Each structure stands twice: as C-alpha cells, then as structure tokens.
Amino acid sequence: MTSAGQVPEVFAQRPKRADARRNYDALIAAARDAFAENGAAASLEDVARRAGVGIGTLYRNFPTRRHLFEAVYVEEVRALSRSAEDLAELPPWDALVAWLHRFVAYVATKRALAEQLLQDSEIFTSCRTEIYAAGEPLMSRAQAAGVVRDDIGFDDVVRLISGLTMAQFPSPEQRDRVLGVALDGLRPAAATR
C-alpha cells in the first residue's frame, strides 16, 4: 500500500476538499471508536452521530458497511506502520519490542474488523503486506545487532504474537506480562541469562 498501484480502491476515492476530508476523517475516527466499543454490529447511525454528520454523508463516503470496515482497518494498519518509523532512533531491541507492543494493542482491538474482512481479501492482503514491510526491518535490525535470535523469521513472530492476542485477558497488564514472556523467547540464549 505504499505505492500508488497498491492503494486500495477505498482510499483512491478519498475526498480532496478540506471540509469533505474533515468529515471523512471524523467518520473514520467515530467508526473506529464505535467498532471498538460495540463490535462489528455498531450502528451506522451512531457512527454518523459521533462524527457530527448526517447519515447521508456517511453513505456518500462509504456506500456499504464493508467500505467503512475496510477504511477503518486500512487507517489502523497505516498508523501501525508509521509507528515503526517513529521508533527508528531507539536501540534495535527497544524499537522491536515497542513496535510489537503496538502490534498487540492493534490486533487486540481490531478483531471485530478483521472478522468482517475475509482473510483472502485484497484489503487484508495489502494490509498484511504493509505490516510486514514495517516490522521486518525492525526485526532484521535487531537480529543484526545480535539482540534477537537469528533462527526465526518475522512471520514466526507475527504468528506468535497473533496467537497471544487470541486469548482473552482480564486486564491489559496481564496481556503485557504474557507478551513479555513471549518476547524473552526472541532473545538469544546468552541475552536471557
């Protein structure tokens, strides 16, 4: 999704006028919150109300519920991907761990959206590609610095973290403790002693 040829169709239609962009951005933010609170069944009328626009404005920007799901999902993936750039100045291990914490928080709050998008859909595939493009360089840098085992790949880490997020934790603190245990497994044996 980083090149013009990979931008999903839903974003090729992004409004150009400032007022229309504000409405679009407000709808995305409102939908993100509504889906996080109420799951995929969140009312589109509630989304429009939260955004401070009429339902017609919502449908003008997102003709179907699926278009809205896709737009919110893509925006969240883009924010996660941009966060990798924000961490570039940290030491390799710290950058990877910080990004993986963000990844866990992202996955934990996006289950409802992901369930609505088919895993083999173009949007899901594009988003997966973008996540890997953001995370793989962080992992490679950490491996080159000798702070992450060199016998694992980024796909292994994504599967480990994704599996962890499937569990229901009673609190974010417990989720973070379990993530810490998983992350310890990424370090070379000498680094964990």
N, C-alpha and C. Protein backbone atom coordinates (compact mmCIF):
# COMPACT_ATOMS: atom_id res chain seq x y z
N MET A 1 0.82 -1.19 0.00
CA MET A 1 0.00 0.00 0.00
C MET A 1 0.86 1.25 0.00
N THR A 2 2.12 1.07 -0.10
CA THR A 2 2.97 2.23 -0.08
C THR A 2 3.13 2.85 -1.44
N SER A 3 2.84 2.13 -2.48
CA SER A 3 2.92 2.72 -3.81
C SER A 3 1.53 2.98 -4.33
N ALA A 4 1.44 3.88 -5.32
CA ALA A 4 0.12 4.27 -5.84
C ALA A 4 -0.62 3.07 -6.41
N GLY A 5 0.09 2.12 -6.97
CA GLY A 5 -0.55 0.95 -7.55
C GLY A 5 -1.13 0.01 -6.52
N GLN A 6 -0.72 0.13 -5.25
CA GLN A 6 -1.19 -0.77 -4.22
C GLN A 6 -2.27 -0.15 -3.33
N VAL A 7 -2.58 1.12 -3.51
CA VAL A 7 -3.57 1.77 -2.66
C VAL A 7 -4.93 1.16 -2.92
N PRO A 8 -5.58 0.65 -1.87
CA PRO A 8 -6.90 0.07 -2.05
C PRO A 8 -7.87 1.09 -2.64
N GLU A 9 -8.82 0.59 -3.39
CA GLU A 9 -9.79 1.44 -4.06
C GLU A 9 -10.50 2.38 -3.11
N VAL A 10 -10.77 1.93 -1.90
CA VAL A 10 -11.49 2.76 -0.94
C VAL A 10 -10.73 4.05 -0.66
N PHE A 11 -9.38 4.04 -0.74
CA PHE A 11 -8.61 5.24 -0.49
C PHE A 11 -8.30 6.02 -1.75
N ALA A 12 -8.50 5.44 -2.90
CA ALA A 12 -8.33 6.19 -4.14
C ALA A 12 -9.43 7.24 -4.25
N GLN A 13 -10.54 7.03 -3.55
CA GLN A 13 -11.70 7.93 -3.59
C GLN A 13 -11.68 8.96 -2.46
N ARG A 14 -10.61 9.04 -1.71
CA ARG A 14 -10.54 9.95 -0.56
C ARG A 14 -10.84 11.39 -0.99
N PRO A 15 -11.68 12.09 -0.24
CA PRO A 15 -12.07 13.46 -0.62
C PRO A 15 -10.87 14.41 -0.70
N LYS A 16 -10.97 15.38 -1.58
CA LYS A 16 -9.89 16.35 -1.75
C LYS A 16 -10.20 17.70 -1.10
N ARG A 17 -11.47 18.09 -1.02
CA ARG A 17 -11.82 19.35 -0.38
C ARG A 17 -11.61 19.25 1.12
N ALA A 18 -11.19 20.34 1.75
CA ALA A 18 -10.87 20.34 3.18
C ALA A 18 -12.07 19.93 4.03
N ASP A 19 -13.26 20.46 3.75
CA ASP A 19 -14.43 20.12 4.56
C ASP A 19 -14.82 18.66 4.38
N ALA A 20 -14.72 18.16 3.17
CA ALA A 20 -15.04 16.76 2.91
C ALA A 20 -14.01 15.84 3.58
N ARG A 21 -12.75 16.24 3.58
CA ARG A 21 -11.70 15.46 4.25
C ARG A 21 -11.95 15.42 5.76
N ARG A 22 -12.35 16.56 6.32
CA ARG A 22 -12.65 16.60 7.76
C ARG A 22 -13.78 15.63 8.09
N ASN A 23 -14.84 15.65 7.28
CA ASN A 23 -15.96 14.72 7.51
C ASN A 23 -15.50 13.27 7.39
N TYR A 24 -14.70 12.99 6.38
CA TYR A 24 -14.19 11.65 6.15
C TYR A 24 -13.37 11.19 7.36
N ASP A 25 -12.44 12.04 7.80
CA ASP A 25 -11.60 11.70 8.95
C ASP A 25 -12.42 11.54 10.22
N ALA A 26 -13.43 12.38 10.39
CA ALA A 26 -14.31 12.27 11.57
C ALA A 26 -15.08 10.95 11.54
N LEU A 27 -15.53 10.55 10.36
CA LEU A 27 -16.25 9.28 10.23
C LEU A 27 -15.33 8.09 10.55
N ILE A 28 -14.10 8.15 10.08
CA ILE A 28 -13.14 7.07 10.37
C ILE A 28 -12.91 6.98 11.89
N ALA A 29 -12.66 8.11 12.53
CA ALA A 29 -12.40 8.12 13.97
C ALA A 29 -13.64 7.63 14.75
N ALA A 30 -14.81 8.09 14.35
CA ALA A 30 -16.05 7.68 15.03
C ALA A 30 -16.30 6.19 14.83
N ALA A 31 -16.06 5.70 13.63
CA ALA A 31 -16.27 4.27 13.35
C ALA A 31 -15.28 3.42 14.14
N ARG A 32 -14.04 3.86 14.21
CA ARG A 32 -13.02 3.13 14.98
C ARG A 32 -13.49 2.98 16.43
N ASP A 33 -13.96 4.08 17.02
CA ASP A 33 -14.42 4.04 18.40
C ASP A 33 -15.67 3.17 18.55
N ALA A 34 -16.62 3.33 17.64
CA ALA A 34 -17.87 2.57 17.72
C ALA A 34 -17.60 1.07 17.56
N PHE A 35 -16.72 0.69 16.63
CA PHE A 35 -16.41 -0.72 16.43
C PHE A 35 -15.65 -1.28 17.63
N ALA A 36 -14.79 -0.48 18.23
CA ALA A 36 -14.06 -0.93 19.41
C ALA A 36 -15.00 -1.17 20.59
N GLU A 37 -16.01 -0.31 20.72
CA GLU A 37 -16.95 -0.43 21.83
C GLU A 37 -18.02 -1.48 21.59
N ASN A 38 -18.54 -1.54 20.37
CA ASN A 38 -19.73 -2.36 20.10
C ASN A 38 -19.51 -3.48 19.09
N GLY A 39 -18.30 -3.65 18.62
CA GLY A 39 -18.03 -4.70 17.64
C GLY A 39 -18.56 -4.33 16.26
N ALA A 40 -18.58 -5.33 15.40
CA ALA A 40 -18.96 -5.12 14.01
C ALA A 40 -20.42 -4.72 13.84
N ALA A 41 -21.22 -4.97 14.86
CA ALA A 41 -22.64 -4.65 14.76
C ALA A 41 -22.96 -3.21 15.13
N ALA A 42 -21.94 -2.40 15.37
CA ALA A 42 -22.18 -0.99 15.74
C ALA A 42 -23.09 -0.32 14.71
N SER A 43 -23.96 0.50 15.20
CA SER A 43 -24.93 1.20 14.35
C SER A 43 -24.25 2.26 13.49
N LEU A 44 -24.55 2.26 12.21
CA LEU A 44 -24.00 3.29 11.32
C LEU A 44 -24.58 4.66 11.67
N GLU A 45 -25.80 4.69 12.15
CA GLU A 45 -26.39 5.95 12.60
C GLU A 45 -25.59 6.51 13.77
N ASP A 46 -25.16 5.62 14.67
CA ASP A 46 -24.34 6.04 15.80
C ASP A 46 -22.99 6.57 15.30
N VAL A 47 -22.41 5.93 14.31
CA VAL A 47 -21.14 6.39 13.75
C VAL A 47 -21.31 7.80 13.19
N ALA A 48 -22.36 8.03 12.43
CA ALA A 48 -22.60 9.35 11.85
C ALA A 48 -22.81 10.39 12.96
N ARG A 49 -23.58 10.03 13.95
CA ARG A 49 -23.85 10.95 15.08
C ARG A 49 -22.55 11.30 15.80
N ARG A 50 -21.72 10.31 16.08
CA ARG A 50 -20.43 10.55 16.75
C ARG A 50 -19.53 11.46 15.91
N ALA A 51 -19.63 11.32 14.60
CA ALA A 51 -18.79 12.13 13.70
C ALA A 51 -19.36 13.53 13.51
N GLY A 52 -20.59 13.74 13.95
CA GLY A 52 -21.21 15.05 13.79
C GLY A 52 -21.68 15.32 12.37
N VAL A 53 -22.03 14.25 11.65
CA VAL A 53 -22.52 14.39 10.27
C VAL A 53 -23.81 13.62 10.12
N GLY A 54 -24.50 13.84 9.03
CA GLY A 54 -25.71 13.10 8.75
C GLY A 54 -25.40 11.73 8.16
N ILE A 55 -26.40 10.86 8.20
CA ILE A 55 -26.21 9.51 7.67
C ILE A 55 -25.93 9.55 6.16
N GLY A 56 -26.47 10.56 5.47
CA GLY A 56 -26.20 10.70 4.04
C GLY A 56 -24.72 10.94 3.76
N THR A 57 -24.07 11.72 4.62
CA THR A 57 -22.63 11.97 4.46
C THR A 57 -21.85 10.68 4.67
N LEU A 58 -22.28 9.88 5.63
CA LEU A 58 -21.61 8.60 5.85
C LEU A 58 -21.72 7.74 4.59
N TYR A 59 -22.94 7.60 4.05
CA TYR A 59 -23.14 6.76 2.87
C TYR A 59 -22.50 7.34 1.62
N ARG A 60 -22.36 8.64 1.55
CA ARG A 60 -21.68 9.25 0.40
C ARG A 60 -20.19 8.86 0.40
N ASN A 61 -19.61 8.77 1.59
CA ASN A 61 -18.20 8.39 1.71
C ASN A 61 -18.01 6.88 1.71
N PHE A 62 -18.96 6.17 2.30
CA PHE A 62 -18.84 4.72 2.45
C PHE A 62 -20.18 4.09 2.07
N PRO A 63 -20.33 3.73 0.81
CA PRO A 63 -21.63 3.23 0.32
C PRO A 63 -22.14 1.98 1.05
N THR A 64 -21.23 1.20 1.61
CA THR A 64 -21.65 0.00 2.33
C THR A 64 -20.90 -0.08 3.67
N ARG A 65 -21.43 -0.89 4.55
CA ARG A 65 -20.77 -1.13 5.84
C ARG A 65 -19.37 -1.68 5.61
N ARG A 66 -19.23 -2.55 4.62
CA ARG A 66 -17.92 -3.14 4.32
C ARG A 66 -16.90 -2.07 3.92
N HIS A 67 -17.33 -1.07 3.12
CA HIS A 67 -16.42 0.02 2.76
C HIS A 67 -15.91 0.74 4.01
N LEU A 68 -16.79 0.92 4.97
CA LEU A 68 -16.39 1.58 6.21
C LEU A 68 -15.42 0.68 7.00
N PHE A 69 -15.74 -0.61 7.11
CA PHE A 69 -14.82 -1.55 7.77
C PHE A 69 -13.43 -1.48 7.14
N GLU A 70 -13.40 -1.55 5.82
CA GLU A 70 -12.12 -1.54 5.11
C GLU A 70 -11.34 -0.25 5.37
N ALA A 71 -12.03 0.87 5.32
CA ALA A 71 -11.36 2.16 5.51
C ALA A 71 -10.77 2.26 6.93
N VAL A 72 -11.54 1.85 7.92
CA VAL A 72 -11.04 1.89 9.30
C VAL A 72 -9.86 0.94 9.46
N TYR A 73 -9.98 -0.24 8.92
CA TYR A 73 -8.91 -1.24 9.03
C TYR A 73 -7.63 -0.73 8.38
N VAL A 74 -7.74 -0.17 7.19
CA VAL A 74 -6.56 0.33 6.48
C VAL A 74 -5.94 1.50 7.24
N GLU A 75 -6.75 2.40 7.76
CA GLU A 75 -6.21 3.53 8.54
C GLU A 75 -5.43 3.03 9.76
N GLU A 76 -5.96 2.03 10.43
CA GLU A 76 -5.28 1.49 11.60
C GLU A 76 -3.96 0.82 11.22
N VAL A 77 -3.94 0.11 10.10
CA VAL A 77 -2.70 -0.52 9.64
C VAL A 77 -1.68 0.55 9.27
N ARG A 78 -2.14 1.59 8.62
CA ARG A 78 -1.21 2.67 8.26
C ARG A 78 -0.61 3.32 9.49
N ALA A 79 -1.41 3.53 10.52
CA ALA A 79 -0.90 4.13 11.76
C ALA A 79 0.13 3.20 12.41
N LEU A 80 -0.15 1.90 12.42
CA LEU A 80 0.80 0.94 12.97
C LEU A 80 2.09 0.95 12.16
N SER A 81 1.99 1.00 10.86
CA SER A 81 3.17 1.01 10.01
C SER A 81 3.99 2.28 10.20
N ARG A 82 3.31 3.41 10.30
CA ARG A 82 4.03 4.68 10.54
C ARG A 82 4.75 4.66 11.87
N SER A 83 4.20 3.96 12.84
CA SER A 83 4.82 3.92 14.16
C SER A 83 6.20 3.27 14.11
N ALA A 84 6.44 2.39 13.15
CA ALA A 84 7.77 1.77 13.01
C ALA A 84 8.80 2.84 12.69
N GLU A 85 8.44 3.81 11.87
CA GLU A 85 9.35 4.91 11.54
C GLU A 85 9.65 5.75 12.78
N ASP A 86 8.66 5.94 13.63
CA ASP A 86 8.84 6.73 14.84
C ASP A 86 9.84 6.08 15.80
N LEU A 87 10.03 4.79 15.68
CA LEU A 87 10.88 4.05 16.61
C LEU A 87 12.30 3.86 16.09
N ALA A 88 12.60 4.37 14.93
CA ALA A 88 13.89 4.13 14.27
C ALA A 88 15.08 4.59 15.10
N GLU A 89 14.90 5.58 15.94
CA GLU A 89 16.03 6.11 16.72
C GLU A 89 16.32 5.31 17.98
N LEU A 90 15.41 4.43 18.37
CA LEU A 90 15.63 3.61 19.56
C LEU A 90 16.65 2.51 19.27
N PRO A 91 17.28 1.97 20.31
CA PRO A 91 18.13 0.80 20.11
C PRO A 91 17.31 -0.33 19.49
N PRO A 92 17.95 -1.23 18.74
CA PRO A 92 17.20 -2.27 17.99
C PRO A 92 16.21 -3.08 18.82
N TRP A 93 16.63 -3.57 19.99
CA TRP A 93 15.71 -4.38 20.80
C TRP A 93 14.53 -3.53 21.28
N ASP A 94 14.80 -2.34 21.76
CA ASP A 94 13.74 -1.46 22.26
C ASP A 94 12.76 -1.09 21.16
N ALA A 95 13.27 -0.84 19.96
CA ALA A 95 12.40 -0.50 18.84
C ALA A 95 11.48 -1.66 18.48
N LEU A 96 12.05 -2.86 18.40
CA LEU A 96 11.24 -4.04 18.05
C LEU A 96 10.19 -4.30 19.12
N VAL A 97 10.59 -4.26 20.39
CA VAL A 97 9.64 -4.52 21.48
C VAL A 97 8.54 -3.47 21.51
N ALA A 98 8.88 -2.21 21.35
CA ALA A 98 7.87 -1.15 21.34
C ALA A 98 6.89 -1.35 20.20
N TRP A 99 7.40 -1.71 19.03
CA TRP A 99 6.51 -1.90 17.89
C TRP A 99 5.63 -3.13 18.10
N LEU A 100 6.19 -4.20 18.64
CA LEU A 100 5.38 -5.40 18.89
C LEU A 100 4.30 -5.13 19.94
N HIS A 101 4.59 -4.29 20.93
CA HIS A 101 3.54 -3.90 21.89
C HIS A 101 2.42 -3.16 21.15
N ARG A 102 2.78 -2.28 20.25
CA ARG A 102 1.76 -1.56 19.46
C ARG A 102 0.98 -2.54 18.59
N PHE A 103 1.69 -3.52 18.03
CA PHE A 103 1.05 -4.53 17.19
C PHE A 103 0.02 -5.32 18.00
N VAL A 104 0.39 -5.71 19.22
CA VAL A 104 -0.53 -6.45 20.08
C VAL A 104 -1.76 -5.60 20.40
N ALA A 105 -1.55 -4.35 20.74
CA ALA A 105 -2.69 -3.47 21.04
C ALA A 105 -3.57 -3.31 19.81
N TYR A 106 -2.96 -3.19 18.65
CA TYR A 106 -3.70 -3.07 17.39
C TYR A 106 -4.54 -4.32 17.15
N VAL A 107 -3.93 -5.50 17.24
CA VAL A 107 -4.63 -6.75 16.96
C VAL A 107 -5.76 -6.97 17.97
N ALA A 108 -5.49 -6.68 19.22
CA ALA A 108 -6.49 -6.91 20.26
C ALA A 108 -7.74 -6.07 20.04
N THR A 109 -7.59 -4.89 19.48
CA THR A 109 -8.76 -4.02 19.28
C THR A 109 -9.37 -4.15 17.90
N LYS A 110 -8.75 -4.91 17.01
CA LYS A 110 -9.25 -4.98 15.64
C LYS A 110 -9.89 -6.30 15.29
N ARG A 111 -10.13 -7.15 16.26
CA ARG A 111 -10.74 -8.44 15.97
C ARG A 111 -12.06 -8.31 15.23
N ALA A 112 -12.91 -7.40 15.68
CA ALA A 112 -14.22 -7.25 15.05
C ALA A 112 -14.08 -6.86 13.58
N LEU A 113 -13.14 -5.97 13.30
CA LEU A 113 -12.94 -5.57 11.91
C LEU A 113 -12.38 -6.71 11.08
N ALA A 114 -11.39 -7.40 11.61
CA ALA A 114 -10.76 -8.48 10.86
C ALA A 114 -11.76 -9.59 10.56
N GLU A 115 -12.66 -9.84 11.50
CA GLU A 115 -13.66 -10.88 11.27
C GLU A 115 -14.60 -10.51 10.13
N GLN A 116 -14.80 -9.23 9.89
CA GLN A 116 -15.68 -8.80 8.83
C GLN A 116 -15.01 -8.80 7.46
N LEU A 117 -13.69 -8.81 7.46
CA LEU A 117 -12.94 -8.83 6.20
C LEU A 117 -12.45 -10.26 5.99
N LEU A 118 -12.69 -10.77 4.82
CA LEU A 118 -12.21 -12.12 4.53
C LEU A 118 -10.70 -12.11 4.53
N GLN A 119 -10.10 -13.13 5.11
CA GLN A 119 -8.65 -13.17 5.21
C GLN A 119 -7.98 -13.22 3.85
N ASP A 120 -8.67 -13.63 2.82
CA ASP A 120 -8.06 -13.66 1.50
C ASP A 120 -8.50 -12.47 0.64
N SER A 121 -9.07 -11.45 1.27
CA SER A 121 -9.50 -10.28 0.53
C SER A 121 -8.30 -9.43 0.13
N GLU A 122 -8.48 -8.62 -0.88
CA GLU A 122 -7.40 -7.74 -1.35
C GLU A 122 -6.98 -6.77 -0.25
N ILE A 123 -7.93 -6.22 0.47
CA ILE A 123 -7.62 -5.28 1.55
C ILE A 123 -6.78 -5.97 2.62
N PHE A 124 -7.21 -7.14 3.06
CA PHE A 124 -6.49 -7.86 4.10
C PHE A 124 -5.07 -8.18 3.63
N THR A 125 -4.94 -8.64 2.40
CA THR A 125 -3.62 -8.97 1.85
C THR A 125 -2.73 -7.74 1.78
N SER A 126 -3.27 -6.62 1.32
CA SER A 126 -2.50 -5.37 1.24
C SER A 126 -2.06 -4.92 2.63
N CYS A 127 -2.95 -5.02 3.59
CA CYS A 127 -2.62 -4.60 4.95
C CYS A 127 -1.56 -5.51 5.56
N ARG A 128 -1.67 -6.78 5.32
CA ARG A 128 -0.67 -7.73 5.82
C ARG A 128 0.69 -7.40 5.24
N THR A 129 0.73 -7.09 3.96
CA THR A 129 1.99 -6.72 3.30
C THR A 129 2.58 -5.47 3.94
N GLU A 130 1.73 -4.50 4.25
CA GLU A 130 2.22 -3.26 4.86
C GLU A 130 2.74 -3.51 6.28
N ILE A 131 2.07 -4.35 7.03
CA ILE A 131 2.54 -4.68 8.38
C ILE A 131 3.91 -5.34 8.32
N TYR A 132 4.07 -6.28 7.41
CA TYR A 132 5.36 -6.96 7.27
C TYR A 132 6.44 -5.97 6.82
N ALA A 133 6.09 -5.07 5.92
CA ALA A 133 7.08 -4.08 5.44
C ALA A 133 7.53 -3.16 6.58
N ALA A 134 6.68 -2.94 7.55
CA ALA A 134 7.04 -2.10 8.70
C ALA A 134 7.83 -2.89 9.74
N GLY A 135 7.42 -4.11 10.02
CA GLY A 135 8.01 -4.87 11.10
C GLY A 135 9.29 -5.62 10.74
N GLU A 136 9.38 -6.12 9.53
CA GLU A 136 10.57 -6.90 9.15
C GLU A 136 11.88 -6.12 9.29
N PRO A 137 11.93 -4.84 8.87
CA PRO A 137 13.19 -4.11 9.05
C PRO A 137 13.58 -3.95 10.53
N LEU A 138 12.59 -3.77 11.41
CA LEU A 138 12.89 -3.68 12.84
C LEU A 138 13.49 -4.98 13.35
N MET A 139 12.91 -6.09 12.90
CA MET A 139 13.42 -7.39 13.33
C MET A 139 14.81 -7.65 12.75
N SER A 140 15.00 -7.34 11.49
CA SER A 140 16.32 -7.54 10.85
C SER A 140 17.39 -6.73 11.55
N ARG A 141 17.05 -5.50 11.89
CA ARG A 141 17.99 -4.63 12.60
C ARG A 141 18.36 -5.22 13.97
N ALA A 142 17.35 -5.74 14.67
CA ALA A 142 17.59 -6.34 15.98
C ALA A 142 18.42 -7.62 15.84
N GLN A 143 18.17 -8.40 14.79
CA GLN A 143 18.98 -9.61 14.56
C GLN A 143 20.42 -9.23 14.22
N ALA A 144 20.59 -8.21 13.39
CA ALA A 144 21.94 -7.77 13.02
C ALA A 144 22.71 -7.27 14.24
N ALA A 145 22.00 -6.71 15.21
CA ALA A 145 22.63 -6.23 16.43
C ALA A 145 22.88 -7.36 17.43
N GLY A 146 22.39 -8.56 17.12
CA GLY A 146 22.60 -9.71 17.99
C GLY A 146 21.68 -9.77 19.19
N VAL A 147 20.59 -8.98 19.18
CA VAL A 147 19.69 -8.98 20.33
C VAL A 147 18.43 -9.81 20.10
N VAL A 148 18.30 -10.37 18.89
CA VAL A 148 17.19 -11.27 18.56
C VAL A 148 17.79 -12.50 17.90
N ARG A 149 17.27 -13.66 18.26
CA ARG A 149 17.74 -14.92 17.68
C ARG A 149 17.72 -14.83 16.16
N ASP A 150 18.70 -15.46 15.53
CA ASP A 150 18.75 -15.42 14.06
C ASP A 150 18.12 -16.65 13.43
N ASP A 151 17.57 -17.55 14.24
CA ASP A 151 16.95 -18.76 13.69
C ASP A 151 15.43 -18.63 13.55
N ILE A 152 14.91 -17.41 13.67
CA ILE A 152 13.48 -17.18 13.50
C ILE A 152 13.27 -16.07 12.49
N GLY A 153 12.12 -16.08 11.89
CA GLY A 153 11.77 -15.03 10.93
C GLY A 153 10.64 -14.17 11.47
N PHE A 154 10.39 -13.07 10.78
CA PHE A 154 9.34 -12.17 11.22
C PHE A 154 7.97 -12.86 11.19
N ASP A 155 7.75 -13.73 10.22
CA ASP A 155 6.48 -14.45 10.15
C ASP A 155 6.27 -15.30 11.40
N ASP A 156 7.35 -15.89 11.93
CA ASP A 156 7.25 -16.65 13.18
C ASP A 156 6.77 -15.75 14.31
N VAL A 157 7.33 -14.55 14.37
CA VAL A 157 6.99 -13.61 15.43
C VAL A 157 5.53 -13.15 15.29
N VAL A 158 5.11 -12.86 14.06
CA VAL A 158 3.72 -12.44 13.84
C VAL A 158 2.76 -13.53 14.29
N ARG A 159 3.08 -14.77 13.96
CA ARG A 159 2.20 -15.88 14.37
C ARG A 159 2.19 -16.05 15.89
N LEU A 160 3.34 -15.90 16.51
CA LEU A 160 3.42 -15.98 17.97
C LEU A 160 2.57 -14.90 18.61
N ILE A 161 2.75 -13.68 18.16
CA ILE A 161 2.02 -12.54 18.74
C ILE A 161 0.53 -12.64 18.42
N SER A 162 0.20 -13.04 17.21
CA SER A 162 -1.21 -13.18 16.85
C SER A 162 -1.89 -14.24 17.70
N GLY A 163 -1.19 -15.34 17.95
CA GLY A 163 -1.74 -16.38 18.81
C GLY A 163 -1.99 -15.86 20.21
N LEU A 164 -1.07 -15.08 20.71
CA LEU A 164 -1.19 -14.49 22.04
C LEU A 164 -2.43 -13.60 22.11
N THR A 165 -2.71 -12.86 21.05
CA THR A 165 -3.83 -11.92 21.09
C THR A 165 -5.19 -12.63 20.98
N MET A 166 -5.18 -13.90 20.63
CA MET A 166 -6.45 -14.64 20.56
C MET A 166 -6.99 -14.96 21.96
N ALA A 167 -6.10 -14.95 22.94
CA ALA A 167 -6.53 -15.22 24.32
C ALA A 167 -7.25 -14.00 24.89
N GLN A 168 -8.20 -14.27 25.75
CA GLN A 168 -8.91 -13.20 26.44
C GLN A 168 -8.21 -12.95 27.77
N PHE A 169 -7.69 -11.76 27.96
CA PHE A 169 -7.01 -11.41 29.20
C PHE A 169 -7.92 -10.53 30.05
N PRO A 170 -7.91 -10.74 31.36
CA PRO A 170 -8.77 -9.91 32.21
C PRO A 170 -8.30 -8.46 32.30
N SER A 171 -7.03 -8.22 31.95
CA SER A 171 -6.53 -6.85 32.02
C SER A 171 -5.39 -6.66 31.02
N PRO A 172 -5.17 -5.42 30.59
CA PRO A 172 -4.02 -5.15 29.71
C PRO A 172 -2.69 -5.46 30.39
N GLU A 173 -2.65 -5.33 31.72
CA GLU A 173 -1.42 -5.61 32.45
C GLU A 173 -1.02 -7.08 32.31
N GLN A 174 -2.01 -7.98 32.43
CA GLN A 174 -1.70 -9.40 32.27
C GLN A 174 -1.28 -9.69 30.84
N ARG A 175 -1.96 -9.10 29.89
CA ARG A 175 -1.58 -9.28 28.48
C ARG A 175 -0.13 -8.84 28.26
N ASP A 176 0.26 -7.71 28.86
CA ASP A 176 1.63 -7.22 28.70
C ASP A 176 2.65 -8.14 29.37
N ARG A 177 2.28 -8.74 30.53
CA ARG A 177 3.19 -9.68 31.18
C ARG A 177 3.41 -10.91 30.30
N VAL A 178 2.34 -11.44 29.75
CA VAL A 178 2.44 -12.62 28.88
C VAL A 178 3.24 -12.27 27.62
N LEU A 179 3.01 -11.09 27.08
CA LEU A 179 3.80 -10.65 25.92
C LEU A 179 5.27 -10.57 26.29
N GLY A 180 5.58 -10.08 27.48
CA GLY A 180 6.97 -10.01 27.92
C GLY A 180 7.64 -11.38 27.95
N VAL A 181 6.90 -12.39 28.41
CA VAL A 181 7.43 -13.75 28.42
C VAL A 181 7.70 -14.22 26.99
N ALA A 182 6.76 -13.94 26.09
CA ALA A 182 6.94 -14.33 24.68
C ALA A 182 8.14 -13.61 24.07
N LEU A 183 8.27 -12.33 24.37
CA LEU A 183 9.39 -11.57 23.81
C LEU A 183 10.73 -12.06 24.34
N ASP A 184 10.77 -12.52 25.58
CA ASP A 184 12.01 -13.08 26.11
C ASP A 184 12.48 -14.26 25.26
N GLY A 185 11.54 -14.98 24.68
CA GLY A 185 11.89 -16.11 23.82
C GLY A 185 12.54 -15.70 22.51
N LEU A 186 12.47 -14.43 22.16
CA LEU A 186 13.11 -13.94 20.93
C LEU A 186 14.60 -13.68 21.12
N ARG A 187 15.00 -13.49 22.35
CA ARG A 187 16.41 -13.15 22.61
C ARG A 187 17.29 -14.37 22.46
N PRO A 188 18.52 -14.15 22.03
CA PRO A 188 19.48 -15.26 22.00
C PRO A 188 19.67 -15.81 23.43
N ALA A 189 20.00 -17.06 23.56
CA ALA A 189 20.11 -17.70 24.87
C ALA A 189 21.01 -16.93 25.82
N ALA A 190 22.13 -16.42 25.36
CA ALA A 190 23.05 -15.68 26.22
C ALA A 190 22.45 -14.38 26.74
N ALA A 191 21.54 -13.77 25.98
CA ALA A 191 20.95 -12.48 26.37
C ALA A 191 19.90 -12.64 27.46
N THR A 192 19.34 -13.85 27.65
CA THR A 192 18.29 -14.03 28.63
C THR A 192 18.81 -14.48 29.98
N ARG A 193 20.11 -14.75 30.07
CA ARG A 193 20.69 -15.23 31.34
C ARG A 193 21.06 -14.09 32.23
